[in-house]
Amino acid sequence: MKPFIQPSYDALFALWGEQHWWPARTRLEMMLGAILTQNTAWSNVEKAIANLRRNGALNFQTLEKSSRDQLAEWIRPAGYFNQKAGYIKAMIQTIRQDFGGSLNPLFALDTPALRKELLSWKGIGPETADSILLYAGKRPVFVVDAYTKRFLLRHGWCDQTASYDSVAKLFTGTLPADAPLFNEYHALIVRLGKEHCNTKPKCEGCPLERFLPHLH
């Protein structure tokens, strides 16, 4: 039992409440966002998604028939746009070839099989795969991002060498396997990272300040 996991969630939720995350209208839009948010701020992803929406490109047909250069131009605000356009085109091609161009058979896979499938796709690592599993697939997996590891490190709850899976297990091994709970917790950690636990910590007024080791 990791005694800090539940109290940390309770403290974050008591201050900030529901975060209504992930902000996407469809599973496909959410998957695109998970790729676009790699190595960039969400505000840049919103601009890229807005471009795709304005050009009627938030569907398989348009994404499939658009050129990689055209797609790269639409998603330019998200950065690494040529690389990410390649990832998106590869994703659309795989869904067309292996799943009949539909997300339904993809998300009909059980969680281990779906995670393995997503990790086999170009440009999809554990964080992106788990974001898709949790937010598009509503599976009880915990998404570990830079914010997660940062706040754990600063509180002495993991060490620098901790692997992605070992950090995820701190949460999945302590909390009930509940997708809405994992969704909310991750969203609250993102807010924590933006408001307090950034590269330069602002501990004063942080809802987790009282858990810092030097205070005990």
N, C-alpha and C. Protein backbone atom coordinates (compact mmCIF):
# COMPACT_ATOMS: atom_id res chain seq x y z
N MET A 1 0.84 -1.19 0.00
CA MET A 1 0.00 0.00 0.00
C MET A 1 0.89 1.26 0.00
N LYS A 2 0.62 2.16 -0.91
CA LYS A 2 1.34 3.43 -0.96
C LYS A 2 0.47 4.49 -0.29
N PRO A 3 0.78 4.86 0.95
CA PRO A 3 -0.12 5.70 1.73
C PRO A 3 -0.32 7.11 1.19
N PHE A 4 0.58 7.56 0.30
CA PHE A 4 0.49 8.93 -0.20
C PHE A 4 -0.44 9.08 -1.39
N ILE A 5 -0.79 7.98 -2.07
CA ILE A 5 -1.52 8.07 -3.33
C ILE A 5 -2.93 8.62 -3.13
N GLN A 6 -3.70 8.02 -2.25
CA GLN A 6 -5.07 8.48 -2.03
C GLN A 6 -5.13 9.87 -1.39
N PRO A 7 -4.35 10.15 -0.32
CA PRO A 7 -4.39 11.49 0.26
C PRO A 7 -3.99 12.59 -0.74
N SER A 8 -3.06 12.30 -1.63
CA SER A 8 -2.66 13.29 -2.64
C SER A 8 -3.83 13.59 -3.58
N TYR A 9 -4.50 12.54 -4.02
CA TYR A 9 -5.68 12.75 -4.87
C TYR A 9 -6.73 13.56 -4.14
N ASP A 10 -7.00 13.19 -2.90
CA ASP A 10 -8.03 13.89 -2.12
C ASP A 10 -7.71 15.38 -1.99
N ALA A 11 -6.42 15.69 -1.75
CA ALA A 11 -6.00 17.08 -1.59
C ALA A 11 -6.15 17.87 -2.90
N LEU A 12 -5.76 17.25 -4.00
CA LEU A 12 -5.87 17.91 -5.31
C LEU A 12 -7.34 18.14 -5.69
N PHE A 13 -8.15 17.11 -5.47
CA PHE A 13 -9.56 17.20 -5.87
C PHE A 13 -10.31 18.19 -4.98
N ALA A 14 -9.96 18.24 -3.69
CA ALA A 14 -10.63 19.16 -2.77
C ALA A 14 -10.43 20.60 -3.21
N LEU A 15 -9.25 20.92 -3.75
CA LEU A 15 -8.96 22.29 -4.17
C LEU A 15 -9.51 22.60 -5.55
N TRP A 16 -9.34 21.68 -6.50
CA TRP A 16 -9.61 22.00 -7.90
C TRP A 16 -10.84 21.31 -8.50
N GLY A 17 -11.31 20.24 -7.90
CA GLY A 17 -12.50 19.58 -8.40
C GLY A 17 -12.31 18.93 -9.77
N GLU A 18 -13.40 18.66 -10.45
CA GLU A 18 -13.35 17.96 -11.75
C GLU A 18 -12.68 18.82 -12.82
N GLN A 19 -11.84 18.17 -13.63
CA GLN A 19 -11.07 18.87 -14.66
C GLN A 19 -11.67 18.74 -16.07
N HIS A 20 -12.62 17.82 -16.23
CA HIS A 20 -13.29 17.63 -17.54
C HIS A 20 -12.27 17.38 -18.65
N TRP A 21 -11.43 16.40 -18.43
CA TRP A 21 -10.34 16.08 -19.35
C TRP A 21 -10.52 14.64 -19.79
N TRP A 22 -10.42 14.26 -21.02
CA TRP A 22 -9.73 14.88 -22.14
C TRP A 22 -10.70 15.68 -22.98
N PRO A 23 -10.36 16.91 -23.38
CA PRO A 23 -11.30 17.72 -24.16
C PRO A 23 -11.31 17.34 -25.64
N ALA A 24 -12.10 16.34 -25.98
CA ALA A 24 -12.23 15.90 -27.38
C ALA A 24 -13.66 15.43 -27.62
N ARG A 25 -14.14 15.59 -28.84
CA ARG A 25 -15.53 15.25 -29.16
C ARG A 25 -15.70 13.80 -29.62
N THR A 26 -14.64 13.21 -30.14
CA THR A 26 -14.72 11.84 -30.65
C THR A 26 -13.47 11.06 -30.25
N ARG A 27 -13.54 9.75 -30.39
CA ARG A 27 -12.35 8.93 -30.10
C ARG A 27 -11.21 9.26 -31.05
N LEU A 28 -11.54 9.47 -32.33
CA LEU A 28 -10.49 9.80 -33.29
C LEU A 28 -9.82 11.12 -32.94
N GLU A 29 -10.62 12.11 -32.59
CA GLU A 29 -10.05 13.42 -32.21
C GLU A 29 -9.13 13.27 -31.00
N MET A 30 -9.54 12.42 -30.05
CA MET A 30 -8.74 12.19 -28.86
C MET A 30 -7.40 11.51 -29.22
N MET A 31 -7.45 10.55 -30.14
CA MET A 31 -6.24 9.86 -30.57
C MET A 31 -5.28 10.82 -31.28
N LEU A 32 -5.84 11.68 -32.11
CA LEU A 32 -5.02 12.68 -32.78
C LEU A 32 -4.37 13.61 -31.75
N GLY A 33 -5.15 14.02 -30.76
CA GLY A 33 -4.61 14.88 -29.71
C GLY A 33 -3.48 14.23 -28.94
N ALA A 34 -3.60 12.92 -28.70
CA ALA A 34 -2.56 12.19 -27.96
C ALA A 34 -1.24 12.20 -28.72
N ILE A 35 -1.31 12.12 -30.04
CA ILE A 35 -0.09 12.20 -30.86
C ILE A 35 0.42 13.64 -30.93
N LEU A 36 -0.49 14.58 -31.14
CA LEU A 36 -0.09 15.97 -31.31
C LEU A 36 0.51 16.58 -30.05
N THR A 37 0.11 16.09 -28.88
CA THR A 37 0.59 16.69 -27.63
C THR A 37 2.00 16.24 -27.25
N GLN A 38 2.57 15.34 -28.00
CA GLN A 38 3.95 14.92 -27.72
C GLN A 38 4.89 16.13 -27.87
N ASN A 39 5.66 16.39 -26.82
CA ASN A 39 6.69 17.44 -26.84
C ASN A 39 6.15 18.84 -27.13
N THR A 40 4.93 19.11 -26.69
CA THR A 40 4.40 20.47 -26.87
C THR A 40 3.33 20.75 -25.84
N ALA A 41 2.97 22.01 -25.71
CA ALA A 41 1.92 22.41 -24.77
C ALA A 41 0.55 22.17 -25.38
N TRP A 42 -0.44 21.91 -24.52
CA TRP A 42 -1.79 21.62 -25.01
C TRP A 42 -2.37 22.81 -25.79
N SER A 43 -1.99 24.02 -25.44
CA SER A 43 -2.51 25.20 -26.16
C SER A 43 -2.14 25.13 -27.64
N ASN A 44 -0.96 24.57 -27.95
CA ASN A 44 -0.56 24.41 -29.35
C ASN A 44 -1.37 23.31 -30.03
N VAL A 45 -1.68 22.26 -29.28
CA VAL A 45 -2.51 21.17 -29.82
C VAL A 45 -3.90 21.70 -30.18
N GLU A 46 -4.44 22.55 -29.33
CA GLU A 46 -5.77 23.12 -29.59
C GLU A 46 -5.80 23.88 -30.91
N LYS A 47 -4.73 24.59 -31.21
CA LYS A 47 -4.65 25.32 -32.48
C LYS A 47 -4.62 24.35 -33.66
N ALA A 48 -3.84 23.27 -33.51
CA ALA A 48 -3.75 22.27 -34.58
C ALA A 48 -5.10 21.58 -34.80
N ILE A 49 -5.76 21.19 -33.70
CA ILE A 49 -7.08 20.55 -33.80
C ILE A 49 -8.09 21.50 -34.44
N ALA A 50 -8.01 22.79 -34.07
CA ALA A 50 -8.91 23.79 -34.66
C ALA A 50 -8.69 23.88 -36.17
N ASN A 51 -7.43 23.81 -36.61
CA ASN A 51 -7.14 23.81 -38.04
C ASN A 51 -7.75 22.59 -38.73
N LEU A 52 -7.60 21.42 -38.10
CA LEU A 52 -8.17 20.19 -38.67
C LEU A 52 -9.69 20.31 -38.74
N ARG A 53 -10.31 20.85 -37.70
CA ARG A 53 -11.77 20.98 -37.69
C ARG A 53 -12.23 21.97 -38.77
N ARG A 54 -11.52 23.07 -38.89
CA ARG A 54 -11.88 24.09 -39.88
C ARG A 54 -11.80 23.54 -41.30
N ASN A 55 -10.90 22.59 -41.50
CA ASN A 55 -10.71 22.00 -42.84
C ASN A 55 -11.45 20.67 -43.00
N GLY A 56 -12.35 20.38 -42.07
CA GLY A 56 -13.15 19.15 -42.17
C GLY A 56 -12.30 17.89 -42.16
N ALA A 57 -11.20 17.92 -41.38
CA ALA A 57 -10.24 16.81 -41.44
C ALA A 57 -10.24 15.95 -40.19
N LEU A 58 -11.28 16.03 -39.37
CA LEU A 58 -11.33 15.18 -38.18
C LEU A 58 -12.12 13.91 -38.47
N ASN A 59 -11.84 13.31 -39.62
CA ASN A 59 -12.47 12.04 -40.00
C ASN A 59 -11.49 11.23 -40.84
N PHE A 60 -11.75 9.93 -40.90
CA PHE A 60 -10.84 9.03 -41.61
C PHE A 60 -10.69 9.39 -43.08
N GLN A 61 -11.82 9.69 -43.72
CA GLN A 61 -11.79 9.92 -45.16
C GLN A 61 -10.85 11.06 -45.54
N THR A 62 -10.99 12.20 -44.86
CA THR A 62 -10.16 13.35 -45.20
C THR A 62 -8.71 13.13 -44.82
N LEU A 63 -8.49 12.53 -43.66
CA LEU A 63 -7.10 12.26 -43.23
C LEU A 63 -6.42 11.28 -44.18
N GLU A 64 -7.20 10.34 -44.70
CA GLU A 64 -6.64 9.33 -45.60
C GLU A 64 -6.28 9.92 -46.95
N LYS A 65 -7.14 10.77 -47.48
CA LYS A 65 -6.90 11.27 -48.84
C LYS A 65 -6.01 12.52 -48.87
N SER A 66 -5.85 13.19 -47.72
CA SER A 66 -4.98 14.37 -47.70
C SER A 66 -3.52 13.93 -47.79
N SER A 67 -2.71 14.77 -48.40
CA SER A 67 -1.28 14.45 -48.50
C SER A 67 -0.61 14.66 -47.15
N ARG A 68 0.53 14.04 -46.99
CA ARG A 68 1.28 14.23 -45.74
C ARG A 68 1.67 15.69 -45.58
N ASP A 69 2.03 16.35 -46.68
CA ASP A 69 2.41 17.77 -46.61
C ASP A 69 1.23 18.63 -46.18
N GLN A 70 0.05 18.33 -46.72
CA GLN A 70 -1.13 19.08 -46.34
C GLN A 70 -1.45 18.90 -44.86
N LEU A 71 -1.38 17.65 -44.42
CA LEU A 71 -1.65 17.35 -43.02
C LEU A 71 -0.63 18.06 -42.12
N ALA A 72 0.63 18.05 -42.52
CA ALA A 72 1.68 18.71 -41.75
C ALA A 72 1.39 20.21 -41.62
N GLU A 73 0.89 20.80 -42.68
CA GLU A 73 0.57 22.23 -42.64
C GLU A 73 -0.57 22.51 -41.67
N TRP A 74 -1.58 21.66 -41.67
CA TRP A 74 -2.72 21.84 -40.75
C TRP A 74 -2.27 21.75 -39.29
N ILE A 75 -1.35 20.82 -39.00
CA ILE A 75 -0.97 20.59 -37.59
C ILE A 75 0.30 21.35 -37.21
N ARG A 76 0.75 22.26 -38.05
CA ARG A 76 1.99 23.00 -37.82
C ARG A 76 2.08 23.60 -36.40
N PRO A 77 0.99 24.17 -35.84
CA PRO A 77 1.12 24.77 -34.50
C PRO A 77 1.60 23.81 -33.42
N ALA A 78 1.39 22.51 -33.62
CA ALA A 78 1.76 21.52 -32.59
C ALA A 78 3.26 21.18 -32.58
N GLY A 79 4.02 21.72 -33.55
CA GLY A 79 5.45 21.44 -33.58
C GLY A 79 5.75 20.02 -34.07
N TYR A 80 6.98 19.80 -34.51
CA TYR A 80 7.39 18.50 -35.07
C TYR A 80 6.33 18.02 -36.07
N PHE A 81 5.82 18.95 -36.85
CA PHE A 81 4.62 18.68 -37.65
C PHE A 81 4.83 17.67 -38.76
N ASN A 82 6.03 17.64 -39.35
CA ASN A 82 6.28 16.63 -40.39
C ASN A 82 6.32 15.23 -39.79
N GLN A 83 6.99 15.12 -38.66
CA GLN A 83 7.08 13.84 -37.95
C GLN A 83 5.69 13.36 -37.51
N LYS A 84 4.94 14.25 -36.89
CA LYS A 84 3.62 13.88 -36.39
C LYS A 84 2.64 13.59 -37.53
N ALA A 85 2.78 14.29 -38.65
CA ALA A 85 1.95 13.98 -39.81
C ALA A 85 2.21 12.55 -40.28
N GLY A 86 3.48 12.14 -40.23
CA GLY A 86 3.83 10.77 -40.59
C GLY A 86 3.21 9.77 -39.64
N TYR A 87 3.22 10.07 -38.35
CA TYR A 87 2.60 9.17 -37.36
C TYR A 87 1.10 9.04 -37.61
N ILE A 88 0.46 10.17 -37.88
CA ILE A 88 -1.00 10.16 -38.09
C ILE A 88 -1.36 9.40 -39.36
N LYS A 89 -0.60 9.63 -40.43
CA LYS A 89 -0.87 8.91 -41.69
C LYS A 89 -0.68 7.41 -41.49
N ALA A 90 0.36 7.03 -40.74
CA ALA A 90 0.60 5.60 -40.47
C ALA A 90 -0.53 5.01 -39.65
N MET A 91 -1.03 5.77 -38.67
CA MET A 91 -2.14 5.30 -37.84
C MET A 91 -3.39 5.07 -38.68
N ILE A 92 -3.71 6.02 -39.52
CA ILE A 92 -4.90 5.91 -40.37
C ILE A 92 -4.78 4.72 -41.32
N GLN A 93 -3.59 4.53 -41.86
CA GLN A 93 -3.35 3.41 -42.79
C GLN A 93 -3.52 2.07 -42.06
N THR A 94 -2.99 1.97 -40.85
CA THR A 94 -3.12 0.73 -40.07
C THR A 94 -4.57 0.44 -39.74
N ILE A 95 -5.31 1.46 -39.34
CA ILE A 95 -6.73 1.26 -39.00
C ILE A 95 -7.51 0.85 -40.25
N ARG A 96 -7.14 1.40 -41.39
CA ARG A 96 -7.80 1.00 -42.65
C ARG A 96 -7.47 -0.45 -43.01
N GLN A 97 -6.20 -0.80 -42.96
CA GLN A 97 -5.76 -2.12 -43.42
C GLN A 97 -6.16 -3.24 -42.45
N ASP A 98 -5.99 -2.98 -41.15
CA ASP A 98 -6.15 -4.05 -40.16
C ASP A 98 -7.50 -4.05 -39.45
N PHE A 99 -8.21 -2.92 -39.51
CA PHE A 99 -9.46 -2.82 -38.76
C PHE A 99 -10.62 -2.29 -39.60
N GLY A 100 -10.46 -2.39 -40.93
CA GLY A 100 -11.56 -2.02 -41.82
C GLY A 100 -11.92 -0.55 -41.78
N GLY A 101 -10.98 0.29 -41.35
CA GLY A 101 -11.24 1.72 -41.32
C GLY A 101 -12.18 2.14 -40.21
N SER A 102 -12.33 1.31 -39.19
CA SER A 102 -13.24 1.60 -38.08
C SER A 102 -12.51 1.43 -36.75
N LEU A 103 -12.85 2.29 -35.81
CA LEU A 103 -12.27 2.16 -34.48
C LEU A 103 -12.95 1.09 -33.64
N ASN A 104 -14.14 0.67 -34.04
CA ASN A 104 -14.89 -0.30 -33.22
C ASN A 104 -14.14 -1.62 -33.02
N PRO A 105 -13.65 -2.26 -34.11
CA PRO A 105 -12.90 -3.51 -33.89
C PRO A 105 -11.59 -3.30 -33.14
N LEU A 106 -10.98 -2.12 -33.31
CA LEU A 106 -9.76 -1.82 -32.57
C LEU A 106 -10.05 -1.80 -31.07
N PHE A 107 -11.09 -1.07 -30.69
CA PHE A 107 -11.40 -0.93 -29.27
C PHE A 107 -12.18 -2.13 -28.71
N ALA A 108 -12.48 -3.09 -29.58
CA ALA A 108 -13.06 -4.34 -29.09
C ALA A 108 -11.99 -5.27 -28.52
N LEU A 109 -10.72 -4.97 -28.80
CA LEU A 109 -9.62 -5.77 -28.24
C LEU A 109 -9.59 -5.61 -26.72
N ASP A 110 -9.15 -6.66 -26.02
CA ASP A 110 -9.00 -6.51 -24.58
C ASP A 110 -7.81 -5.59 -24.30
N THR A 111 -7.70 -5.11 -23.07
CA THR A 111 -6.73 -4.06 -22.75
C THR A 111 -5.29 -4.45 -23.07
N PRO A 112 -4.79 -5.64 -22.64
CA PRO A 112 -3.40 -5.98 -22.98
C PRO A 112 -3.16 -6.04 -24.49
N ALA A 113 -4.12 -6.62 -25.23
CA ALA A 113 -3.96 -6.73 -26.69
C ALA A 113 -4.00 -5.35 -27.35
N LEU A 114 -4.89 -4.50 -26.86
CA LEU A 114 -5.01 -3.15 -27.42
C LEU A 114 -3.74 -2.34 -27.14
N ARG A 115 -3.20 -2.46 -25.95
CA ARG A 115 -1.97 -1.73 -25.62
C ARG A 115 -0.80 -2.21 -26.49
N LYS A 116 -0.71 -3.53 -26.65
CA LYS A 116 0.35 -4.09 -27.51
C LYS A 116 0.21 -3.59 -28.95
N GLU A 117 -1.02 -3.56 -29.45
CA GLU A 117 -1.29 -3.06 -30.80
C GLU A 117 -0.86 -1.60 -30.94
N LEU A 118 -1.28 -0.76 -30.00
CA LEU A 118 -0.96 0.66 -30.07
C LEU A 118 0.55 0.89 -30.01
N LEU A 119 1.24 0.13 -29.17
CA LEU A 119 2.69 0.29 -29.02
C LEU A 119 3.45 -0.15 -30.27
N SER A 120 2.80 -0.93 -31.12
CA SER A 120 3.44 -1.37 -32.36
C SER A 120 3.36 -0.29 -33.45
N TRP A 121 2.58 0.75 -33.22
CA TRP A 121 2.40 1.79 -34.23
C TRP A 121 3.56 2.78 -34.17
N LYS A 122 3.87 3.33 -35.32
CA LYS A 122 4.95 4.30 -35.44
C LYS A 122 4.65 5.54 -34.58
N GLY A 123 5.63 5.90 -33.74
CA GLY A 123 5.50 7.13 -32.95
C GLY A 123 4.66 7.01 -31.70
N ILE A 124 4.19 5.80 -31.36
CA ILE A 124 3.35 5.61 -30.18
C ILE A 124 4.15 4.92 -29.08
N GLY A 125 4.48 5.68 -28.02
CA GLY A 125 5.16 5.12 -26.86
C GLY A 125 4.17 4.86 -25.74
N PRO A 126 4.67 4.44 -24.58
CA PRO A 126 3.77 4.09 -23.48
C PRO A 126 2.81 5.20 -23.05
N GLU A 127 3.30 6.44 -22.95
CA GLU A 127 2.42 7.53 -22.49
C GLU A 127 1.30 7.79 -23.50
N THR A 128 1.63 7.83 -24.78
CA THR A 128 0.61 8.06 -25.81
C THR A 128 -0.37 6.90 -25.87
N ALA A 129 0.16 5.67 -25.81
CA ALA A 129 -0.72 4.48 -25.84
C ALA A 129 -1.67 4.48 -24.66
N ASP A 130 -1.15 4.78 -23.47
CA ASP A 130 -2.00 4.76 -22.29
C ASP A 130 -3.00 5.90 -22.28
N SER A 131 -2.65 7.04 -22.87
CA SER A 131 -3.62 8.13 -23.02
C SER A 131 -4.79 7.68 -23.89
N ILE A 132 -4.48 6.98 -24.97
CA ILE A 132 -5.53 6.47 -25.86
C ILE A 132 -6.37 5.42 -25.13
N LEU A 133 -5.70 4.52 -24.41
CA LEU A 133 -6.42 3.48 -23.66
C LEU A 133 -7.37 4.10 -22.64
N LEU A 134 -6.88 5.07 -21.88
CA LEU A 134 -7.67 5.65 -20.81
C LEU A 134 -8.77 6.56 -21.35
N TYR A 135 -8.41 7.48 -22.22
CA TYR A 135 -9.36 8.53 -22.61
C TYR A 135 -10.26 8.13 -23.77
N ALA A 136 -9.73 7.41 -24.74
CA ALA A 136 -10.57 6.97 -25.86
C ALA A 136 -11.20 5.61 -25.58
N GLY A 137 -10.43 4.72 -24.90
CA GLY A 137 -10.91 3.37 -24.65
C GLY A 137 -11.58 3.18 -23.30
N LYS A 138 -11.45 4.22 -22.42
CA LYS A 138 -12.04 4.14 -21.08
C LYS A 138 -11.56 2.89 -20.31
N ARG A 139 -10.27 2.57 -20.50
CA ARG A 139 -9.67 1.43 -19.80
C ARG A 139 -8.96 1.94 -18.54
N PRO A 140 -8.98 1.16 -17.46
CA PRO A 140 -8.36 1.61 -16.21
C PRO A 140 -6.84 1.44 -16.22
N VAL A 141 -6.17 2.25 -17.02
CA VAL A 141 -4.70 2.30 -17.02
C VAL A 141 -4.30 3.70 -16.57
N PHE A 142 -3.14 3.81 -15.96
CA PHE A 142 -2.71 5.12 -15.46
C PHE A 142 -1.67 5.72 -16.39
N VAL A 143 -1.91 6.95 -16.80
CA VAL A 143 -0.99 7.65 -17.70
C VAL A 143 0.09 8.35 -16.88
N VAL A 144 1.33 8.01 -17.17
CA VAL A 144 2.47 8.63 -16.48
C VAL A 144 3.12 9.64 -17.43
N ASP A 145 3.15 10.89 -17.02
CA ASP A 145 3.84 11.89 -17.84
C ASP A 145 4.93 12.55 -17.01
N ALA A 146 5.57 13.56 -17.58
CA ALA A 146 6.69 14.21 -16.89
C ALA A 146 6.23 14.84 -15.57
N TYR A 147 5.03 15.38 -15.55
CA TYR A 147 4.50 15.98 -14.32
C TYR A 147 4.38 14.94 -13.21
N THR A 148 3.93 13.74 -13.58
CA THR A 148 3.73 12.68 -12.58
C THR A 148 5.04 12.33 -11.90
N LYS A 149 6.05 12.06 -12.70
CA LYS A 149 7.34 11.66 -12.12
C LYS A 149 7.96 12.80 -11.32
N ARG A 150 7.75 14.03 -11.80
CA ARG A 150 8.35 15.18 -11.12
C ARG A 150 7.81 15.35 -9.70
N PHE A 151 6.48 15.26 -9.54
CA PHE A 151 5.95 15.47 -8.19
C PHE A 151 6.28 14.29 -7.28
N LEU A 152 6.36 13.09 -7.83
CA LEU A 152 6.75 11.93 -7.02
C LEU A 152 8.21 12.06 -6.55
N LEU A 153 9.08 12.49 -7.46
CA LEU A 153 10.49 12.66 -7.12
C LEU A 153 10.67 13.72 -6.02
N ARG A 154 9.98 14.83 -6.17
CA ARG A 154 10.16 15.93 -5.22
C ARG A 154 9.66 15.59 -3.82
N HIS A 155 8.73 14.63 -3.76
CA HIS A 155 8.23 14.20 -2.47
C HIS A 155 8.97 12.96 -1.95
N GLY A 156 9.93 12.47 -2.73
CA GLY A 156 10.67 11.29 -2.30
C GLY A 156 9.90 10.00 -2.43
N TRP A 157 8.90 9.99 -3.33
CA TRP A 157 8.02 8.82 -3.48
C TRP A 157 8.45 7.89 -4.62
N CYS A 158 9.43 8.30 -5.39
CA CYS A 158 10.07 7.40 -6.36
C CYS A 158 11.47 7.95 -6.59
N ASP A 159 12.30 7.19 -7.28
CA ASP A 159 13.64 7.71 -7.56
C ASP A 159 13.81 7.93 -9.06
N GLN A 160 14.92 8.58 -9.41
CA GLN A 160 15.16 9.00 -10.79
C GLN A 160 15.17 7.82 -11.76
N THR A 161 15.54 6.64 -11.27
CA THR A 161 15.67 5.49 -12.16
C THR A 161 14.35 4.72 -12.34
N ALA A 162 13.30 5.17 -11.67
CA ALA A 162 12.01 4.45 -11.75
C ALA A 162 11.51 4.37 -13.19
N SER A 163 11.10 3.19 -13.62
CA SER A 163 10.61 3.00 -14.99
C SER A 163 9.18 3.50 -15.12
N TYR A 164 8.74 3.68 -16.36
CA TYR A 164 7.36 4.10 -16.63
C TYR A 164 6.38 3.14 -15.96
N ASP A 165 6.57 1.85 -16.18
CA ASP A 165 5.62 0.86 -15.64
C ASP A 165 5.62 0.82 -14.12
N SER A 166 6.80 1.00 -13.50
CA SER A 166 6.85 0.95 -12.04
C SER A 166 6.14 2.16 -11.43
N VAL A 167 6.24 3.31 -12.09
CA VAL A 167 5.52 4.50 -11.61
C VAL A 167 4.02 4.29 -11.78
N ALA A 168 3.61 3.75 -12.92
CA ALA A 168 2.17 3.50 -13.14
C ALA A 168 1.62 2.55 -12.08
N LYS A 169 2.42 1.58 -11.69
CA LYS A 169 1.96 0.59 -10.71
C LYS A 169 1.80 1.18 -9.31
N LEU A 170 2.48 2.29 -9.02
CA LEU A 170 2.25 2.97 -7.74
C LEU A 170 0.77 3.34 -7.61
N PHE A 171 0.18 3.73 -8.76
CA PHE A 171 -1.22 4.16 -8.76
C PHE A 171 -2.17 2.98 -8.96
N THR A 172 -1.90 2.15 -9.98
CA THR A 172 -2.81 1.04 -10.26
C THR A 172 -2.78 -0.02 -9.17
N GLY A 173 -1.66 -0.10 -8.45
CA GLY A 173 -1.55 -1.08 -7.38
C GLY A 173 -2.16 -0.62 -6.07
N THR A 174 -2.54 0.65 -6.00
CA THR A 174 -3.08 1.22 -4.77
C THR A 174 -4.55 1.56 -4.89
N LEU A 175 -4.93 2.09 -6.03
CA LEU A 175 -6.31 2.56 -6.24
C LEU A 175 -7.16 1.48 -6.89
N PRO A 176 -8.48 1.56 -6.74
CA PRO A 176 -9.36 0.63 -7.46
C PRO A 176 -9.23 0.85 -8.96
N ALA A 177 -9.40 -0.22 -9.74
CA ALA A 177 -9.26 -0.14 -11.20
C ALA A 177 -10.48 0.57 -11.78
N ASP A 178 -10.42 1.90 -11.77
CA ASP A 178 -11.56 2.72 -12.14
C ASP A 178 -11.11 3.79 -13.13
N ALA A 179 -11.54 3.67 -14.39
CA ALA A 179 -11.08 4.58 -15.44
C ALA A 179 -11.42 6.05 -15.13
N PRO A 180 -12.65 6.38 -14.68
CA PRO A 180 -12.93 7.78 -14.36
C PRO A 180 -12.02 8.35 -13.26
N LEU A 181 -11.68 7.52 -12.27
CA LEU A 181 -10.77 7.96 -11.21
C LEU A 181 -9.38 8.23 -11.77
N PHE A 182 -8.86 7.32 -12.61
CA PHE A 182 -7.53 7.50 -13.19
C PHE A 182 -7.52 8.73 -14.11
N ASN A 183 -8.61 8.92 -14.83
CA ASN A 183 -8.77 10.09 -15.70
C ASN A 183 -8.63 11.37 -14.86
N GLU A 184 -9.40 11.44 -13.79
CA GLU A 184 -9.42 12.64 -12.96
C GLU A 184 -8.08 12.88 -12.28
N TYR A 185 -7.47 11.80 -11.79
CA TYR A 185 -6.18 11.93 -11.09
C TYR A 185 -5.12 12.47 -12.04
N HIS A 186 -5.05 11.90 -13.23
CA HIS A 186 -4.04 12.36 -14.19
C HIS A 186 -4.27 13.83 -14.55
N ALA A 187 -5.53 14.20 -14.78
CA ALA A 187 -5.84 15.59 -15.11
C ALA A 187 -5.43 16.54 -13.98
N LEU A 188 -5.65 16.12 -12.74
CA LEU A 188 -5.28 16.94 -11.59
C LEU A 188 -3.76 17.06 -11.48
N ILE A 189 -3.04 15.98 -11.80
CA ILE A 189 -1.57 16.04 -11.78
C ILE A 189 -1.06 17.02 -12.84
N VAL A 190 -1.70 17.02 -14.01
CA VAL A 190 -1.31 17.98 -15.06
C VAL A 190 -1.51 19.41 -14.54
N ARG A 191 -2.63 19.66 -13.89
CA ARG A 191 -2.86 21.00 -13.34
C ARG A 191 -1.83 21.35 -12.26
N LEU A 192 -1.52 20.37 -11.42
CA LEU A 192 -0.48 20.56 -10.40
C LEU A 192 0.84 20.97 -11.06
N GLY A 193 1.20 20.26 -12.13
CA GLY A 193 2.45 20.55 -12.83
C GLY A 193 2.48 21.93 -13.44
N LYS A 194 1.34 22.39 -13.91
CA LYS A 194 1.28 23.71 -14.54
C LYS A 194 1.29 24.84 -13.49
N GLU A 195 0.59 24.62 -12.38
CA GLU A 195 0.41 25.71 -11.42
C GLU A 195 1.47 25.75 -10.33
N HIS A 196 2.01 24.59 -9.95
CA HIS A 196 2.95 24.56 -8.83
C HIS A 196 4.23 23.78 -9.12
N CYS A 197 4.09 22.54 -9.61
CA CYS A 197 5.24 21.66 -9.70
C CYS A 197 5.86 21.71 -11.09
N ASN A 198 6.21 22.92 -11.51
CA ASN A 198 6.84 23.11 -12.80
C ASN A 198 8.34 22.87 -12.66
N THR A 199 9.12 23.16 -13.70
CA THR A 199 10.57 22.94 -13.63
C THR A 199 11.16 23.72 -12.46
N LYS A 200 10.58 24.91 -12.18
CA LYS A 200 10.94 25.65 -10.97
C LYS A 200 9.74 25.57 -10.02
N PRO A 201 9.87 24.80 -8.93
CA PRO A 201 8.69 24.55 -8.08
C PRO A 201 8.20 25.80 -7.36
N LYS A 202 6.87 25.91 -7.27
CA LYS A 202 6.23 26.97 -6.49
C LYS A 202 5.43 26.27 -5.39
N CYS A 203 6.12 25.93 -4.31
CA CYS A 203 5.53 25.07 -3.28
C CYS A 203 4.51 25.79 -2.39
N GLU A 204 4.69 27.10 -2.24
CA GLU A 204 3.78 27.83 -1.37
C GLU A 204 2.35 27.80 -1.93
N GLY A 205 1.43 27.34 -1.11
CA GLY A 205 0.03 27.27 -1.54
C GLY A 205 -0.31 26.01 -2.33
N CYS A 206 0.68 25.16 -2.57
CA CYS A 206 0.42 23.91 -3.30
C CYS A 206 -0.41 22.97 -2.42
N PRO A 207 -1.41 22.30 -2.98
CA PRO A 207 -2.22 21.40 -2.17
C PRO A 207 -1.43 20.20 -1.62
N LEU A 208 -0.27 19.92 -2.21
CA LEU A 208 0.56 18.80 -1.71
C LEU A 208 1.75 19.27 -0.89
N GLU A 209 1.81 20.56 -0.60
CA GLU A 209 2.96 21.10 0.15
C GLU A 209 3.15 20.39 1.49
N ARG A 210 2.05 20.07 2.16
CA ARG A 210 2.17 19.48 3.49
C ARG A 210 2.76 18.07 3.49
N PHE A 211 2.83 17.45 2.27
CA PHE A 211 3.40 16.11 2.17
C PHE A 211 4.91 16.13 1.88
N LEU A 212 5.48 17.31 1.72
CA LEU A 212 6.91 17.39 1.40
C LEU A 212 7.74 16.82 2.54
N PRO A 213 8.81 16.06 2.23
CA PRO A 213 9.56 15.36 3.26
C PRO A 213 10.22 16.27 4.29
N HIS A 214 10.64 17.48 3.89
CA HIS A 214 11.36 18.35 4.84
C HIS A 214 10.42 18.90 5.91
N LEU A 215 9.12 18.71 5.72
CA LEU A 215 8.16 19.20 6.72
C LEU A 215 7.87 18.14 7.79
N HIS A 216 8.49 16.95 7.64
CA HIS A 216 8.17 15.87 8.57
C HIS A 216 9.41 15.44 9.37
